[in-house]
Amino acid sequence: MAGINKVIIVGNLGKDPETRYTTNNVAVSSLSVATSETYSDKKTGEKTTHTEWHKITLWRGLAETAERFLRKGSQVYIEGKLRTKEWEDKQGTTHYSTEIVGDSMQMLGKKSDHSLSI
């Protein structure tokens, strides 16, 4: 039986998308999306918010749409899969980085949030 690698994120962009093009002219956008959860401390009753930052990579049409319409603070719904990259630095230390490769994206919030200012 095959496994399932599916992630759903609903959050806000921490900065504008960074879009670049491969040598074959394929668009790739990098997003930084924050998700937050609020809970009450059981001992003090004080509300605490924990924010988690997610690295998102979008390709082709999704990348171009993100570049055109998303800005810092935009709320998005992204479905995708986890990918972990491994590399070794000059000192021989192995590093890992996990990102979400988006398969679909839905812009949330008011329609005016997605309009470009000219």
N, C-alpha and C. Protein backbone atom coordinates (compact mmCIF):
# COMPACT_ATOMS: atom_id res chain seq x y z
N MET A 1 0.84 -1.18 0.00
CA MET A 1 0.00 0.00 0.00
C MET A 1 0.88 1.24 0.00
N ALA A 2 0.56 2.18 -0.84
CA ALA A 2 1.31 3.43 -0.92
C ALA A 2 0.95 4.33 0.25
N GLY A 3 1.88 5.17 0.66
CA GLY A 3 1.63 6.11 1.74
C GLY A 3 0.95 7.37 1.22
N ILE A 4 0.53 8.20 2.14
CA ILE A 4 -0.10 9.47 1.79
C ILE A 4 0.77 10.59 2.37
N ASN A 5 1.12 11.53 1.53
CA ASN A 5 1.91 12.69 1.94
C ASN A 5 1.10 13.92 1.54
N LYS A 6 0.27 14.41 2.46
CA LYS A 6 -0.61 15.53 2.17
C LYS A 6 -0.58 16.51 3.34
N VAL A 7 -0.44 17.79 2.98
CA VAL A 7 -0.41 18.85 3.98
C VAL A 7 -1.39 19.93 3.57
N ILE A 8 -2.12 20.47 4.54
CA ILE A 8 -3.02 21.60 4.31
C ILE A 8 -2.60 22.71 5.27
N ILE A 9 -2.36 23.88 4.71
CA ILE A 9 -1.95 25.04 5.50
C ILE A 9 -2.93 26.19 5.21
N VAL A 10 -3.41 26.83 6.26
CA VAL A 10 -4.16 28.08 6.12
C VAL A 10 -3.44 29.09 7.00
N GLY A 11 -2.90 30.12 6.36
CA GLY A 11 -2.13 31.09 7.12
C GLY A 11 -1.91 32.37 6.33
N ASN A 12 -1.03 33.20 6.85
CA ASN A 12 -0.75 34.50 6.26
C ASN A 12 0.70 34.59 5.81
N LEU A 13 0.92 35.25 4.67
CA LEU A 13 2.27 35.44 4.16
C LEU A 13 3.04 36.40 5.05
N GLY A 14 4.29 36.04 5.35
CA GLY A 14 5.15 36.89 6.15
C GLY A 14 5.86 37.94 5.33
N LYS A 15 5.92 37.73 4.02
CA LYS A 15 6.54 38.70 3.10
C LYS A 15 6.01 38.41 1.70
N ASP A 16 6.27 39.31 0.77
CA ASP A 16 5.85 39.10 -0.61
C ASP A 16 6.51 37.83 -1.17
N PRO A 17 5.82 37.14 -2.09
CA PRO A 17 6.43 35.96 -2.71
C PRO A 17 7.73 36.33 -3.44
N GLU A 18 8.68 35.42 -3.41
CA GLU A 18 9.93 35.61 -4.15
C GLU A 18 9.88 34.65 -5.33
N THR A 19 9.78 35.22 -6.54
CA THR A 19 9.63 34.40 -7.75
C THR A 19 10.88 34.50 -8.60
N ARG A 20 11.30 33.37 -9.11
CA ARG A 20 12.43 33.31 -10.03
C ARG A 20 12.06 32.35 -11.15
N TYR A 21 12.89 32.30 -12.15
CA TYR A 21 12.63 31.42 -13.30
C TYR A 21 13.83 30.52 -13.52
N THR A 22 13.56 29.25 -13.79
CA THR A 22 14.63 28.30 -14.08
C THR A 22 15.22 28.61 -15.45
N THR A 23 16.28 27.92 -15.81
CA THR A 23 16.89 28.12 -17.12
C THR A 23 15.93 27.74 -18.25
N ASN A 24 14.94 26.91 -17.94
CA ASN A 24 13.92 26.53 -18.93
C ASN A 24 12.71 27.45 -18.87
N ASN A 25 12.85 28.58 -18.18
CA ASN A 25 11.79 29.59 -18.05
C ASN A 25 10.55 29.10 -17.30
N VAL A 26 10.76 28.24 -16.30
CA VAL A 26 9.68 27.75 -15.45
C VAL A 26 9.66 28.59 -14.17
N ALA A 27 8.48 29.13 -13.84
CA ALA A 27 8.35 29.98 -12.65
C ALA A 27 8.38 29.14 -11.37
N VAL A 28 9.10 29.64 -10.36
CA VAL A 28 9.16 29.03 -9.03
C VAL A 28 9.02 30.14 -8.02
N SER A 29 8.03 30.03 -7.12
CA SER A 29 7.85 31.03 -6.06
C SER A 29 8.10 30.41 -4.70
N SER A 30 8.77 31.16 -3.85
CA SER A 30 8.98 30.78 -2.46
C SER A 30 8.13 31.67 -1.58
N LEU A 31 7.39 31.03 -0.69
CA LEU A 31 6.53 31.76 0.24
C LEU A 31 6.91 31.40 1.67
N SER A 32 6.68 32.32 2.55
CA SER A 32 6.83 32.08 3.98
C SER A 32 5.45 32.33 4.58
N VAL A 33 4.83 31.25 5.09
CA VAL A 33 3.46 31.34 5.60
C VAL A 33 3.44 31.03 7.09
N ALA A 34 2.76 31.89 7.83
CA ALA A 34 2.63 31.71 9.28
C ALA A 34 1.28 31.12 9.63
N THR A 35 1.29 30.13 10.51
CA THR A 35 0.06 29.62 11.10
C THR A 35 0.18 29.84 12.60
N SER A 36 -0.92 30.20 13.23
CA SER A 36 -0.89 30.48 14.67
C SER A 36 -1.98 29.73 15.39
N GLU A 37 -1.70 29.35 16.62
CA GLU A 37 -2.70 28.75 17.48
C GLU A 37 -2.63 29.45 18.84
N THR A 38 -3.81 29.66 19.42
CA THR A 38 -3.89 30.32 20.72
C THR A 38 -4.46 29.32 21.72
N TYR A 39 -3.86 29.31 22.89
CA TYR A 39 -4.32 28.42 23.95
C TYR A 39 -4.16 29.12 25.29
N SER A 40 -4.85 28.60 26.28
CA SER A 40 -4.75 29.15 27.64
C SER A 40 -3.83 28.29 28.47
N ASP A 41 -2.94 28.93 29.20
CA ASP A 41 -2.06 28.23 30.12
C ASP A 41 -2.91 27.64 31.23
N LYS A 42 -2.77 26.35 31.50
CA LYS A 42 -3.61 25.69 32.50
C LYS A 42 -3.38 26.22 33.91
N LYS A 43 -2.16 26.65 34.21
CA LYS A 43 -1.86 27.12 35.56
C LYS A 43 -2.30 28.57 35.78
N THR A 44 -2.02 29.43 34.81
CA THR A 44 -2.28 30.86 35.00
C THR A 44 -3.56 31.34 34.30
N GLY A 45 -4.04 30.58 33.32
CA GLY A 45 -5.21 31.01 32.55
C GLY A 45 -4.87 32.05 31.50
N GLU A 46 -3.60 32.42 31.43
CA GLU A 46 -3.16 33.43 30.46
C GLU A 46 -3.16 32.86 29.05
N LYS A 47 -3.67 33.66 28.11
CA LYS A 47 -3.70 33.24 26.72
C LYS A 47 -2.31 33.40 26.10
N THR A 48 -1.91 32.37 25.36
CA THR A 48 -0.62 32.35 24.69
C THR A 48 -0.84 32.00 23.23
N THR A 49 -0.11 32.67 22.34
CA THR A 49 -0.18 32.38 20.92
C THR A 49 1.15 31.83 20.45
N HIS A 50 1.09 30.71 19.75
CA HIS A 50 2.29 30.10 19.17
C HIS A 50 2.18 30.20 17.65
N THR A 51 3.20 30.77 17.02
CA THR A 51 3.23 30.91 15.56
C THR A 51 4.28 29.99 14.99
N GLU A 52 3.89 29.25 13.97
CA GLU A 52 4.79 28.34 13.25
C GLU A 52 4.97 28.89 11.83
N TRP A 53 6.21 28.93 11.35
CA TRP A 53 6.50 29.42 9.99
C TRP A 53 6.76 28.24 9.07
N HIS A 54 6.18 28.30 7.86
CA HIS A 54 6.28 27.22 6.89
C HIS A 54 6.89 27.74 5.60
N LYS A 55 7.85 26.98 5.07
CA LYS A 55 8.45 27.30 3.77
C LYS A 55 7.60 26.61 2.70
N ILE A 56 7.09 27.38 1.75
CA ILE A 56 6.24 26.86 0.68
C ILE A 56 6.92 27.11 -0.65
N THR A 57 6.90 26.12 -1.55
CA THR A 57 7.38 26.29 -2.90
C THR A 57 6.23 26.01 -3.86
N LEU A 58 6.01 26.94 -4.78
CA LEU A 58 4.98 26.79 -5.82
C LEU A 58 5.67 26.82 -7.18
N TRP A 59 5.14 26.05 -8.11
CA TRP A 59 5.72 25.95 -9.45
C TRP A 59 4.73 26.40 -10.52
N ARG A 60 5.26 26.80 -11.63
CA ARG A 60 4.55 27.12 -12.87
C ARG A 60 3.42 28.13 -12.66
N GLY A 61 2.19 27.77 -13.06
CA GLY A 61 1.06 28.69 -12.98
C GLY A 61 0.76 29.15 -11.57
N LEU A 62 0.88 28.24 -10.59
CA LEU A 62 0.66 28.64 -9.19
C LEU A 62 1.67 29.69 -8.76
N ALA A 63 2.91 29.52 -9.19
CA ALA A 63 3.96 30.49 -8.85
C ALA A 63 3.65 31.85 -9.46
N GLU A 64 3.21 31.86 -10.70
CA GLU A 64 2.89 33.12 -11.37
C GLU A 64 1.68 33.80 -10.74
N THR A 65 0.68 33.01 -10.34
CA THR A 65 -0.50 33.56 -9.67
C THR A 65 -0.10 34.17 -8.32
N ALA A 66 0.73 33.46 -7.57
CA ALA A 66 1.19 33.97 -6.27
C ALA A 66 1.94 35.28 -6.45
N GLU A 67 2.82 35.33 -7.44
CA GLU A 67 3.60 36.54 -7.69
C GLU A 67 2.70 37.71 -8.06
N ARG A 68 1.67 37.43 -8.81
CA ARG A 68 0.79 38.50 -9.29
C ARG A 68 -0.17 39.02 -8.22
N PHE A 69 -0.71 38.12 -7.40
CA PHE A 69 -1.80 38.52 -6.52
C PHE A 69 -1.50 38.52 -5.02
N LEU A 70 -0.50 37.79 -4.56
CA LEU A 70 -0.25 37.70 -3.12
C LEU A 70 0.76 38.74 -2.66
N ARG A 71 0.52 39.26 -1.48
CA ARG A 71 1.42 40.23 -0.85
C ARG A 71 1.56 39.86 0.63
N LYS A 72 2.53 40.46 1.27
CA LYS A 72 2.72 40.26 2.70
C LYS A 72 1.38 40.46 3.42
N GLY A 73 1.03 39.51 4.28
CA GLY A 73 -0.22 39.58 5.02
C GLY A 73 -1.38 38.85 4.36
N SER A 74 -1.27 38.52 3.06
CA SER A 74 -2.35 37.81 2.38
C SER A 74 -2.62 36.47 3.06
N GLN A 75 -3.90 36.14 3.16
CA GLN A 75 -4.27 34.85 3.74
C GLN A 75 -4.45 33.85 2.60
N VAL A 76 -3.86 32.66 2.75
CA VAL A 76 -3.93 31.63 1.72
C VAL A 76 -4.23 30.27 2.32
N TYR A 77 -4.84 29.44 1.48
CA TYR A 77 -5.07 28.02 1.75
C TYR A 77 -4.19 27.28 0.75
N ILE A 78 -3.29 26.43 1.24
CA ILE A 78 -2.40 25.70 0.35
C ILE A 78 -2.45 24.22 0.69
N GLU A 79 -2.60 23.40 -0.35
CA GLU A 79 -2.50 21.95 -0.23
C GLU A 79 -1.23 21.53 -0.94
N GLY A 80 -0.53 20.57 -0.37
CA GLY A 80 0.68 20.10 -1.01
C GLY A 80 1.25 18.89 -0.31
N LYS A 81 2.54 18.70 -0.49
CA LYS A 81 3.23 17.56 0.12
C LYS A 81 4.54 18.03 0.75
N LEU A 82 4.97 17.31 1.76
CA LEU A 82 6.24 17.63 2.42
C LEU A 82 7.41 17.09 1.60
N ARG A 83 8.45 17.89 1.51
CA ARG A 83 9.70 17.48 0.87
C ARG A 83 10.84 17.90 1.80
N THR A 84 11.74 16.98 2.07
CA THR A 84 12.90 17.28 2.90
C THR A 84 14.15 17.26 2.03
N LYS A 85 14.89 18.35 2.11
CA LYS A 85 16.16 18.45 1.38
C LYS A 85 17.30 18.18 2.36
N GLU A 86 18.32 17.53 1.86
CA GLU A 86 19.50 17.23 2.67
C GLU A 86 20.73 17.77 1.95
N TRP A 87 21.62 18.43 2.70
CA TRP A 87 22.86 18.89 2.10
C TRP A 87 23.97 18.90 3.15
N GLU A 88 25.17 18.94 2.66
CA GLU A 88 26.34 18.93 3.53
C GLU A 88 27.09 20.25 3.34
N ASP A 89 27.45 20.89 4.46
CA ASP A 89 28.19 22.14 4.37
C ASP A 89 29.70 21.87 4.20
N LYS A 90 30.49 22.94 4.14
CA LYS A 90 31.93 22.83 3.90
C LYS A 90 32.65 22.06 5.01
N GLN A 91 32.06 22.10 6.22
CA GLN A 91 32.68 21.40 7.35
C GLN A 91 32.25 19.93 7.41
N GLY A 92 31.40 19.50 6.47
CA GLY A 92 30.96 18.11 6.45
C GLY A 92 29.74 17.82 7.30
N THR A 93 29.12 18.88 7.85
CA THR A 93 27.92 18.70 8.67
C THR A 93 26.70 18.57 7.77
N THR A 94 25.88 17.57 8.04
CA THR A 94 24.67 17.35 7.25
C THR A 94 23.54 18.22 7.81
N HIS A 95 22.84 18.89 6.91
CA HIS A 95 21.71 19.75 7.28
C HIS A 95 20.46 19.25 6.56
N TYR A 96 19.30 19.53 7.18
CA TYR A 96 18.02 19.15 6.60
C TYR A 96 17.10 20.37 6.61
N SER A 97 16.27 20.46 5.59
CA SER A 97 15.28 21.52 5.51
C SER A 97 14.00 20.92 4.93
N THR A 98 12.89 21.15 5.62
CA THR A 98 11.61 20.62 5.14
C THR A 98 10.76 21.76 4.62
N GLU A 99 10.17 21.54 3.45
CA GLU A 99 9.30 22.54 2.84
C GLU A 99 8.02 21.86 2.38
N ILE A 100 7.05 22.68 2.05
CA ILE A 100 5.80 22.19 1.47
C ILE A 100 5.82 22.56 -0.01
N VAL A 101 5.66 21.57 -0.87
CA VAL A 101 5.55 21.83 -2.30
C VAL A 101 4.05 21.87 -2.60
N GLY A 102 3.56 23.06 -2.94
CA GLY A 102 2.13 23.26 -3.13
C GLY A 102 1.61 22.67 -4.43
N ASP A 103 0.48 21.97 -4.33
CA ASP A 103 -0.22 21.42 -5.49
C ASP A 103 -1.41 22.29 -5.88
N SER A 104 -2.01 22.94 -4.87
CA SER A 104 -3.14 23.83 -5.14
C SER A 104 -3.11 24.97 -4.12
N MET A 105 -3.71 26.09 -4.52
CA MET A 105 -3.72 27.27 -3.67
C MET A 105 -5.04 28.00 -3.84
N GLN A 106 -5.57 28.49 -2.74
CA GLN A 106 -6.79 29.30 -2.76
C GLN A 106 -6.49 30.58 -2.01
N MET A 107 -6.73 31.72 -2.66
CA MET A 107 -6.54 32.99 -1.99
C MET A 107 -7.76 33.26 -1.12
N LEU A 108 -7.54 33.61 0.13
CA LEU A 108 -8.63 33.86 1.07
C LEU A 108 -8.69 35.35 1.39
N GLY A 109 -9.67 35.73 2.16
CA GLY A 109 -9.80 37.14 2.51
C GLY A 109 -10.66 37.87 1.51
N LYS A 110 -10.71 39.19 1.65
CA LYS A 110 -11.52 40.01 0.76
C LYS A 110 -10.90 40.06 -0.63
N LYS A 111 -11.74 40.18 -1.65
CA LYS A 111 -11.26 40.25 -3.02
C LYS A 111 -10.31 41.43 -3.21
N SER A 112 -10.58 42.54 -2.55
CA SER A 112 -9.73 43.73 -2.68
C SER A 112 -8.31 43.47 -2.16
N ASP A 113 -8.16 42.45 -1.28
CA ASP A 113 -6.84 42.11 -0.77
C ASP A 113 -5.92 41.59 -1.86
N HIS A 114 -6.51 41.09 -2.96
CA HIS A 114 -5.73 40.47 -4.01
C HIS A 114 -5.53 41.35 -5.23
N SER A 115 -6.04 42.57 -5.18
CA SER A 115 -5.90 43.45 -6.34
C SER A 115 -4.54 44.14 -6.29
N LEU A 116 -4.00 44.39 -7.45
CA LEU A 116 -2.70 45.04 -7.54
C LEU A 116 -2.87 46.55 -7.48
N SER A 117 -1.98 47.21 -6.80
CA SER A 117 -2.02 48.68 -6.82
C SER A 117 -1.12 49.13 -7.97
N ILE A 118 -1.68 49.99 -8.79
CA ILE A 118 -0.96 50.43 -9.98
C ILE A 118 -0.51 51.85 -9.80
